[in-house]
N, C-alpha and C. Protein backbone atom coordinates (compact mmCIF):
# COMPACT_ATOMS: atom_id res chain seq x y z
N MET A 1 103.21 -55.79 -97.81
CA MET A 1 102.20 -55.30 -99.16
C MET A 1 101.42 -55.82 -99.56
N SER A 2 100.29 -55.00 -99.94
CA SER A 2 99.18 -55.54 -100.93
C SER A 2 99.52 -56.79 -101.78
N LYS A 3 98.37 -57.39 -101.84
CA LYS A 3 98.87 -58.95 -102.60
C LYS A 3 98.67 -58.46 -104.58
N ARG A 4 98.28 -56.83 -104.65
CA ARG A 4 97.93 -56.49 -105.80
C ARG A 4 99.57 -55.98 -106.47
N VAL A 5 100.14 -55.89 -105.54
CA VAL A 5 101.46 -55.67 -106.01
C VAL A 5 102.79 -55.86 -105.82
N TRP A 6 102.30 -57.35 -105.65
CA TRP A 6 102.62 -58.46 -105.61
C TRP A 6 103.13 -59.12 -107.20
N VAL A 7 102.41 -59.15 -108.09
CA VAL A 7 102.02 -60.05 -108.71
C VAL A 7 103.20 -58.40 -110.05
N PRO A 8 102.95 -56.84 -110.22
CA PRO A 8 104.08 -56.81 -111.19
C PRO A 8 105.64 -55.95 -110.74
N VAL A 9 105.39 -56.37 -109.41
CA VAL A 9 107.22 -56.37 -108.20
C VAL A 9 107.77 -57.96 -108.94
N GLY A 10 106.88 -58.82 -108.60
CA GLY A 10 107.76 -60.63 -109.51
C GLY A 10 107.80 -60.53 -110.56
N VAL A 11 106.71 -59.67 -111.47
CA VAL A 11 107.38 -60.23 -112.89
C VAL A 11 108.02 -59.49 -113.61
N VAL A 12 108.73 -58.00 -112.66
CA VAL A 12 109.95 -57.31 -112.94
C VAL A 12 111.26 -57.90 -112.46
N ILE A 13 110.83 -58.61 -111.22
CA ILE A 13 111.93 -58.62 -110.92
C ILE A 13 112.22 -60.98 -111.42
N ALA A 14 111.69 -61.26 -111.53
CA ALA A 14 111.61 -62.31 -113.41
C ALA A 14 112.19 -61.83 -114.70
N LEU A 15 111.94 -60.74 -115.00
CA LEU A 15 112.68 -59.91 -116.43
C LEU A 15 114.08 -60.29 -115.69
N ILE A 16 113.94 -59.03 -114.64
CA ILE A 16 115.64 -58.74 -114.21
C ILE A 16 115.90 -60.42 -114.49
N GLY A 17 116.37 -61.63 -113.86
CA GLY A 17 116.51 -62.08 -112.73
C GLY A 17 116.61 -64.00 -114.78
N LEU A 18 115.16 -63.19 -115.57
CA LEU A 18 116.35 -63.58 -117.31
C LEU A 18 117.16 -63.08 -118.20
N VAL A 19 116.84 -61.89 -118.31
CA VAL A 19 117.97 -60.87 -117.83
C VAL A 19 119.40 -61.13 -117.75
N PHE A 20 119.44 -60.78 -116.53
CA PHE A 20 120.87 -62.03 -115.90
C PHE A 20 121.62 -63.52 -115.98
N THR A 21 120.78 -64.46 -116.84
CA THR A 21 120.86 -65.70 -117.41
C THR A 21 121.04 -65.32 -118.69
N LEU A 22 120.56 -65.13 -119.44
CA LEU A 22 120.78 -64.46 -120.90
C LEU A 22 122.78 -63.21 -120.72
N GLN A 23 123.53 -63.09 -119.64
CA GLN A 23 123.98 -61.52 -119.66
C GLN A 23 124.65 -63.12 -119.24
N GLY A 24 125.14 -63.98 -118.31
CA GLY A 24 125.84 -65.35 -118.08
C GLY A 24 126.15 -65.96 -118.36
N ILE A 25 125.19 -66.43 -119.74
CA ILE A 25 125.78 -67.42 -120.99
C ILE A 25 125.86 -67.08 -122.04
N GLY A 26 125.73 -65.61 -122.39
CA GLY A 26 126.65 -64.90 -122.74
C GLY A 26 125.53 -64.49 -124.30
N VAL A 27 124.12 -64.84 -124.05
CA VAL A 27 123.33 -64.65 -125.19
C VAL A 27 123.08 -62.71 -125.51
N LEU A 28 122.76 -61.96 -124.37
CA LEU A 28 123.09 -60.65 -124.43
C LEU A 28 124.78 -60.19 -123.94
N THR A 29 125.46 -59.39 -124.84
CA THR A 29 126.52 -59.22 -124.47
C THR A 29 126.59 -57.50 -124.37
N GLY A 30 127.82 -57.21 -124.09
CA GLY A 30 127.79 -55.76 -124.26
C GLY A 30 127.94 -54.95 -122.41
N SER A 31 128.10 -55.95 -121.51
CA SER A 31 128.57 -55.31 -119.94
C SER A 31 129.20 -56.89 -119.78
N SER A 32 129.84 -56.12 -118.56
CA SER A 32 130.72 -56.62 -117.97
C SER A 32 129.65 -58.55 -116.69
N MET A 33 128.79 -58.39 -117.17
CA MET A 33 128.61 -59.62 -116.50
C MET A 33 127.89 -60.72 -117.42
N THR A 34 128.38 -60.32 -118.69
CA THR A 34 128.75 -61.32 -119.97
C THR A 34 129.51 -62.11 -119.76
N GLY A 35 128.98 -63.67 -119.73
CA GLY A 35 129.52 -64.55 -119.61
C GLY A 35 130.12 -65.23 -118.56
N LYS A 36 129.86 -64.38 -117.34
CA LYS A 36 130.13 -65.35 -115.96
C LYS A 36 129.77 -66.09 -115.09
N ALA A 37 129.94 -66.64 -115.73
CA ALA A 37 128.96 -68.93 -114.88
C ALA A 37 127.60 -67.94 -113.34
N PHE A 38 128.48 -67.31 -112.79
CA PHE A 38 128.10 -66.52 -111.52
C PHE A 38 126.18 -66.35 -111.48
N TRP A 39 126.14 -65.34 -112.88
CA TRP A 39 125.17 -65.35 -113.75
C TRP A 39 124.30 -66.13 -114.07
N ALA A 40 125.05 -67.07 -114.44
CA ALA A 40 124.27 -67.69 -115.62
C ALA A 40 123.65 -68.99 -114.59
N VAL A 41 124.05 -68.96 -113.14
CA VAL A 41 123.20 -69.60 -111.64
C VAL A 41 122.52 -68.49 -111.00
N ALA A 42 123.15 -67.28 -111.15
CA ALA A 42 122.09 -66.75 -110.05
C ALA A 42 121.20 -65.60 -110.50
N GLY A 43 120.94 -65.97 -112.08
CA GLY A 43 119.58 -65.17 -112.90
C GLY A 43 118.47 -66.43 -112.76
N PRO A 44 118.39 -67.58 -112.91
CA PRO A 44 117.39 -68.87 -112.57
C PRO A 44 116.28 -68.45 -111.42
N VAL A 45 118.01 -68.33 -110.29
CA VAL A 45 117.65 -68.64 -109.52
C VAL A 45 116.37 -67.46 -109.08
N ILE A 46 116.70 -65.95 -109.34
CA ILE A 46 115.86 -64.43 -109.23
C ILE A 46 115.09 -64.55 -109.34
N ALA A 47 115.17 -65.53 -111.43
CA ALA A 47 113.55 -65.75 -111.59
C ALA A 47 112.60 -66.13 -110.77
N VAL A 48 113.01 -67.10 -110.41
CA VAL A 48 112.46 -68.55 -109.75
C VAL A 48 111.76 -67.61 -108.61
N ILE A 49 112.66 -66.59 -107.83
CA ILE A 49 112.04 -66.47 -106.92
C ILE A 49 110.64 -64.45 -107.75
N GLY A 50 110.76 -64.00 -108.64
CA GLY A 50 109.73 -63.03 -109.22
C GLY A 50 108.99 -63.91 -109.85
N LEU A 51 109.48 -65.47 -109.51
CA LEU A 51 107.58 -65.58 -110.53
C LEU A 51 107.35 -66.13 -109.13
N ALA A 52 107.57 -66.71 -107.71
CA ALA A 52 106.87 -67.08 -106.79
C ALA A 52 106.00 -66.11 -106.38
N LEU A 53 106.82 -65.23 -106.24
CA LEU A 53 105.86 -63.56 -106.03
C LEU A 53 104.76 -63.42 -107.04
N VAL A 54 104.82 -63.95 -108.55
CA VAL A 54 103.62 -63.31 -109.24
C VAL A 54 102.67 -64.29 -108.28
N ARG A 55 103.05 -65.83 -108.68
CA ARG A 55 101.70 -66.24 -108.30
C ARG A 55 101.38 -66.18 -106.93
N ILE A 56 102.13 -65.85 -105.48
CA ILE A 56 101.27 -65.38 -103.84
C ILE A 56 100.34 -64.52 -104.58
N GLY A 57 101.47 -63.68 -105.57
CA GLY A 57 99.57 -62.21 -105.63
C GLY A 57 99.49 -63.07 -106.25
N SER A 58 99.51 -63.38 -107.34
CA SER A 58 97.86 -63.60 -107.83
C SER A 58 96.88 -64.79 -107.46
N ARG A 59 97.24 -65.62 -106.66
CA ARG A 59 96.41 -66.87 -105.58
C ARG A 59 95.39 -65.51 -104.91
N GLY A 60 95.86 -65.02 -104.65
CA GLY A 60 94.76 -63.99 -103.43
C GLY A 60 93.62 -63.24 -104.06
N ARG A 61 93.73 -62.94 -105.83
CA ARG A 61 93.28 -62.90 -106.10
C ARG A 61 91.58 -63.42 -106.76
N LEU A 62 91.83 -65.23 -107.47
CA LEU A 62 91.33 -66.30 -107.14
C LEU A 62 90.05 -66.42 -106.42
N ARG A 63 90.60 -66.09 -104.80
CA ARG A 63 89.67 -67.12 -103.84
C ARG A 63 88.31 -64.85 -103.80
């Protein structure tokens, strides 16, 4: 995968992780994921993976 693709993919994954976190802690309602501890833990992990992809993709652009 090209490094320039990693940044937008990483941003999307990080945003998905943020939504999962907010649903897990009960801030966003209206889902079967609302209030579930699993999503409150899995969301930040997914967000960190997304941010890592953003960093990997953007590091290549600085050189």
